[in-house]
Amino acid sequence: MKSFFLIALLVGTMPALLYAQRSNYRVVFDLTSKDSLDERAVIRWLNEVAVPNPNGRFEVVMYGKGFNLVMKNNLSFADDVNKLSAHMNIAFKVCAVAMKSNNVQKSDLLPCVQVVPDGIYEIVSKQHEGWGYIKAVH
């Protein structure tokens, strides 16, 4: 009898669990490192989470040294970034303060990249709007 109730409970909650996996969500990824393992992790997460969920919204916000991911001369990830940014639900944003501190020009970045005035403010604003937050570290 217990197993019957357990099975009934599982069958009854299965649609809710499946819906929870498909619900729209928003995530901001915080990338401050030029470590290729961190860059690779962000690319992997976007491919695993953002690409299959076109109704979600995803941003990678880069400041500190994190902008290396989207530099034109970083051939390791340029194709990945370009492919991912073609999805309307994925954006790559670089902090103007970090660019200025590191003598990086907009022309040094891949064309798909957006520049925001302040990367930390961008992240805090997204969190204030209810976005999830993931720090890219390995």
C-alpha atoms as a PDB file:
ATOM      1  CA  MET A   1       0.000   0.000   0.000  1.00  0.00           C
ATOM      2  CA  LYS A   2       2.861   2.399   0.814  1.00  0.00           C
ATOM      3  CA  SER A   3       4.440   1.760  -2.570  1.00  0.00           C
ATOM      4  CA  PHE A   4       1.123   2.523  -4.295  1.00  0.00           C
ATOM      5  CA  PHE A   5       0.945   5.937  -2.602  1.00  0.00           C
ATOM      6  CA  LEU A   6       4.599   6.630  -3.381  1.00  0.00           C
ATOM      7  CA  ILE A   7       4.081   5.814  -7.051  1.00  0.00           C
ATOM      8  CA  ALA A   8       0.909   7.924  -7.149  1.00  0.00           C
ATOM      9  CA  LEU A   9       2.761  10.818  -5.545  1.00  0.00           C
ATOM     10  CA  LEU A  10       5.626  10.577  -8.046  1.00  0.00           C
ATOM     11  CA  VAL A  11       3.288  10.318 -11.036  1.00  0.00           C
ATOM     12  CA  GLY A  12       1.255  13.253  -9.740  1.00  0.00           C
ATOM     13  CA  THR A  13       4.276  15.520  -9.273  1.00  0.00           C
ATOM     14  CA  MET A  14       6.118  14.552 -12.475  1.00  0.00           C
ATOM     15  CA  PRO A  15       4.427  17.203 -14.684  1.00  0.00           C
ATOM     16  CA  ALA A  16       5.331  19.929 -12.189  1.00  0.00           C
ATOM     17  CA  LEU A  17       8.950  18.776 -12.122  1.00  0.00           C
ATOM     18  CA  LEU A  18       9.130  18.724 -15.917  1.00  0.00           C
ATOM     19  CA  TYR A  19       7.559  22.192 -16.122  1.00  0.00           C
ATOM     20  CA  ALA A  20      10.069  23.529 -13.613  1.00  0.00           C
ATOM     21  CA  GLN A  21      12.893  22.405 -15.898  1.00  0.00           C
ATOM     22  CA  ARG A  22      11.348  24.211 -18.879  1.00  0.00           C
ATOM     23  CA  SER A  23      10.292  27.428 -17.196  1.00  0.00           C
ATOM     24  CA  ASN A  24      11.788  30.679 -18.381  1.00  0.00           C
ATOM     25  CA  TYR A  25      14.643  31.898 -16.315  1.00  0.00           C
ATOM     26  CA  ARG A  26      17.354  34.530 -16.436  1.00  0.00           C
ATOM     27  CA  VAL A  27      20.982  34.053 -15.477  1.00  0.00           C
ATOM     28  CA  VAL A  28      23.917  36.458 -15.391  1.00  0.00           C
ATOM     29  CA  PHE A  29      27.383  34.918 -15.502  1.00  0.00           C
ATOM     30  CA  ASP A  30      30.171  36.898 -13.807  1.00  0.00           C
ATOM     31  CA  LEU A  31      33.554  36.474 -15.515  1.00  0.00           C
ATOM     32  CA  THR A  32      36.548  38.372 -14.109  1.00  0.00           C
ATOM     33  CA  SER A  33      39.381  36.014 -14.997  1.00  0.00           C
ATOM     34  CA  LYS A  34      41.284  35.458 -18.218  1.00  0.00           C
ATOM     35  CA  ASP A  35      41.886  31.866 -17.156  1.00  0.00           C
ATOM     36  CA  SER A  36      40.970  29.626 -20.081  1.00  0.00           C
ATOM     37  CA  LEU A  37      39.335  27.095 -17.721  1.00  0.00           C
ATOM     38  CA  ASP A  38      36.891  29.770 -16.546  1.00  0.00           C
ATOM     39  CA  GLU A  39      36.260  30.861 -20.135  1.00  0.00           C
ATOM     40  CA  ARG A  40      35.667  27.274 -21.198  1.00  0.00           C
ATOM     41  CA  ALA A  41      33.251  26.775 -18.302  1.00  0.00           C
ATOM     42  CA  VAL A  42      31.119  29.754 -19.357  1.00  0.00           C
ATOM     43  CA  ILE A  43      30.983  28.518 -22.950  1.00  0.00           C
ATOM     44  CA  ARG A  44      30.015  25.028 -21.754  1.00  0.00           C
ATOM     45  CA  TRP A  45      27.304  26.347 -19.425  1.00  0.00           C
ATOM     46  CA  LEU A  46      25.776  28.469 -22.164  1.00  0.00           C
ATOM     47  CA  ASN A  47      25.719  25.502 -24.532  1.00  0.00           C
ATOM     48  CA  GLU A  48      24.198  23.249 -21.880  1.00  0.00           C
ATOM     49  CA  VAL A  49      21.667  25.674 -20.426  1.00  0.00           C
ATOM     50  CA  ALA A  50      20.999  28.658 -22.688  1.00  0.00           C
ATOM     51  CA  VAL A  51      20.945  27.064 -26.126  1.00  0.00           C
ATOM     52  CA  PRO A  52      18.295  24.447 -25.233  1.00  0.00           C
ATOM     53  CA  ASN A  53      16.189  27.082 -23.395  1.00  0.00           C
ATOM     54  CA  PRO A  54      15.430  29.798 -25.952  1.00  0.00           C
ATOM     55  CA  ASN A  55      12.824  31.376 -23.667  1.00  0.00           C
ATOM     56  CA  GLY A  56      15.406  32.070 -20.974  1.00  0.00           C
ATOM     57  CA  ARG A  57      17.750  35.050 -20.986  1.00  0.00           C
ATOM     58  CA  PHE A  58      21.468  34.820 -20.355  1.00  0.00           C
ATOM     59  CA  GLU A  59      24.247  37.376 -20.048  1.00  0.00           C
ATOM     60  CA  VAL A  60      27.962  37.009 -19.571  1.00  0.00           C
ATOM     61  CA  VAL A  61      29.261  40.157 -17.872  1.00  0.00           C
ATOM     62  CA  MET A  62      33.020  40.574 -18.023  1.00  0.00           C
ATOM     63  CA  TYR A  63      35.149  42.943 -15.998  1.00  0.00           C
ATOM     64  CA  GLY A  64      38.601  42.810 -14.419  1.00  0.00           C
ATOM     65  CA  LYS A  65      40.483  40.615 -16.902  1.00  0.00           C
ATOM     66  CA  GLY A  66      37.421  38.643 -17.976  1.00  0.00           C
ATOM     67  CA  PHE A  67      37.093  40.401 -21.316  1.00  0.00           C
ATOM     68  CA  ASN A  68      39.819  38.165 -22.760  1.00  0.00           C
ATOM     69  CA  LEU A  69      37.046  35.748 -23.741  1.00  0.00           C
ATOM     70  CA  VAL A  70      35.679  38.191 -26.323  1.00  0.00           C
ATOM     71  CA  MET A  71      38.882  39.693 -27.706  1.00  0.00           C
ATOM     72  CA  LYS A  72      39.262  39.410 -31.491  1.00  0.00           C
ATOM     73  CA  ASN A  73      42.730  37.928 -31.053  1.00  0.00           C
ATOM     74  CA  ASN A  74      41.494  35.130 -28.749  1.00  0.00           C
ATOM     75  CA  LEU A  75      41.053  32.512 -31.447  1.00  0.00           C
ATOM     76  CA  SER A  76      40.358  29.788 -28.868  1.00  0.00           C
ATOM     77  CA  PHE A  77      36.802  30.969 -28.249  1.00  0.00           C
ATOM     78  CA  ALA A  78      35.889  33.429 -31.029  1.00  0.00           C
ATOM     79  CA  ASP A  79      33.811  30.881 -32.969  1.00  0.00           C
ATOM     80  CA  ASP A  80      32.011  29.782 -29.805  1.00  0.00           C
ATOM     81  CA  VAL A  81      31.211  33.358 -28.767  1.00  0.00           C
ATOM     82  CA  ASN A  82      29.980  34.258 -32.250  1.00  0.00           C
ATOM     83  CA  LYS A  83      27.753  31.161 -32.456  1.00  0.00           C
ATOM     84  CA  LEU A  84      26.324  31.713 -28.975  1.00  0.00           C
ATOM     85  CA  SER A  85      25.690  35.415 -29.511  1.00  0.00           C
ATOM     86  CA  ALA A  86      23.654  34.540 -32.615  1.00  0.00           C
ATOM     87  CA  HIS A  87      21.027  33.242 -30.182  1.00  0.00           C
ATOM     88  CA  MET A  88      18.748  36.135 -29.291  1.00  0.00           C
ATOM     89  CA  ASN A  89      18.679  35.061 -25.638  1.00  0.00           C
ATOM     90  CA  ILE A  90      22.453  35.281 -25.053  1.00  0.00           C
ATOM     91  CA  ALA A  91      24.447  38.494 -24.614  1.00  0.00           C
ATOM     92  CA  PHE A  92      28.123  39.155 -23.935  1.00  0.00           C
ATOM     93  CA  LYS A  93      28.792  42.432 -22.118  1.00  0.00           C
ATOM     94  CA  VAL A  94      32.115  44.040 -21.209  1.00  0.00           C
ATOM     95  CA  CYS A  95      32.708  46.697 -18.575  1.00  0.00           C
ATOM     96  CA  ALA A  96      33.898  50.052 -19.984  1.00  0.00           C
ATOM     97  CA  VAL A  97      35.854  50.736 -16.780  1.00  0.00           C
ATOM     98  CA  ALA A  98      37.831  47.496 -17.198  1.00  0.00           C
ATOM     99  CA  MET A  99      38.433  48.293 -20.860  1.00  0.00           C
ATOM    100  CA  LYS A 100      39.792  51.728 -19.988  1.00  0.00           C
ATOM    101  CA  SER A 101      41.994  50.329 -17.193  1.00  0.00           C
ATOM    102  CA  ASN A 102      43.473  47.791 -19.598  1.00  0.00           C
ATOM    103  CA  ASN A 103      43.738  50.046 -22.677  1.00  0.00           C
ATOM    104  CA  VAL A 104      41.228  47.959 -24.619  1.00  0.00           C
ATOM    105  CA  GLN A 105      39.207  49.572 -27.399  1.00  0.00           C
ATOM    106  CA  LYS A 106      35.770  48.509 -28.638  1.00  0.00           C
ATOM    107  CA  SER A 107      37.479  47.633 -31.934  1.00  0.00           C
ATOM    108  CA  ASP A 108      39.578  45.031 -30.057  1.00  0.00           C
ATOM    109  CA  LEU A 109      36.409  43.101 -29.163  1.00  0.00           C
ATOM    110  CA  LEU A 110      34.341  40.757 -31.276  1.00  0.00           C
ATOM    111  CA  PRO A 111      31.568  42.684 -33.055  1.00  0.00           C
ATOM    112  CA  CYS A 112      28.812  40.822 -31.169  1.00  0.00           C
ATOM    113  CA  VAL A 113      29.970  42.192 -27.790  1.00  0.00           C
ATOM    114  CA  GLN A 114      28.166  45.020 -26.014  1.00  0.00           C
ATOM    115  CA  VAL A 115      29.938  47.511 -23.771  1.00  0.00           C
ATOM    116  CA  VAL A 116      28.272  48.543 -20.498  1.00  0.00           C
ATOM    117  CA  PRO A 117      29.410  51.489 -18.361  1.00  0.00           C
ATOM    118  CA  ASP A 118      30.103  49.357 -15.261  1.00  0.00           C
ATOM    119  CA  GLY A 119      30.173  45.560 -15.101  1.00  0.00           C
ATOM    120  CA  ILE A 120      29.463  45.332 -11.381  1.00  0.00           C
ATOM    121  CA  TYR A 121      26.497  47.671 -11.715  1.00  0.00           C
ATOM    122  CA  GLU A 122      25.205  45.539 -14.606  1.00  0.00           C
ATOM    123  CA  ILE A 123      25.354  42.405 -12.463  1.00  0.00           C
ATOM    124  CA  VAL A 124      23.784  44.039  -9.406  1.00  0.00           C
ATOM    125  CA  SER A 125      21.010  45.474 -11.586  1.00  0.00           C
ATOM    126  CA  LYS A 126      20.261  42.041 -13.019  1.00  0.00           C
ATOM    127  CA  GLN A 127      20.171  40.526  -9.534  1.00  0.00           C
ATOM    128  CA  HIS A 128      17.811  43.283  -8.425  1.00  0.00           C
ATOM    129  CA  GLU A 129      15.541  42.296 -11.334  1.00  0.00           C
ATOM    130  CA  GLY A 130      15.515  38.709 -10.090  1.00  0.00           C
ATOM    131  CA  TRP A 131      18.180  37.207 -12.340  1.00  0.00           C
ATOM    132  CA  GLY A 132      20.161  34.246 -11.063  1.00  0.00           C
ATOM    133  CA  TYR A 133      23.888  34.759 -10.534  1.00  0.00           C
ATOM    134  CA  ILE A 134      26.748  32.418 -11.409  1.00  0.00           C
ATOM    135  CA  LYS A 135      30.379  33.294 -10.705  1.00  0.00           C
ATOM    136  CA  ALA A 136      32.671  31.703 -13.287  1.00  0.00           C
ATOM    137  CA  VAL A 137      35.448  29.976 -11.355  1.00  0.00           C
ATOM    138  CA  HIS A 138      37.013  26.563 -11.593  1.00  0.00           C
END
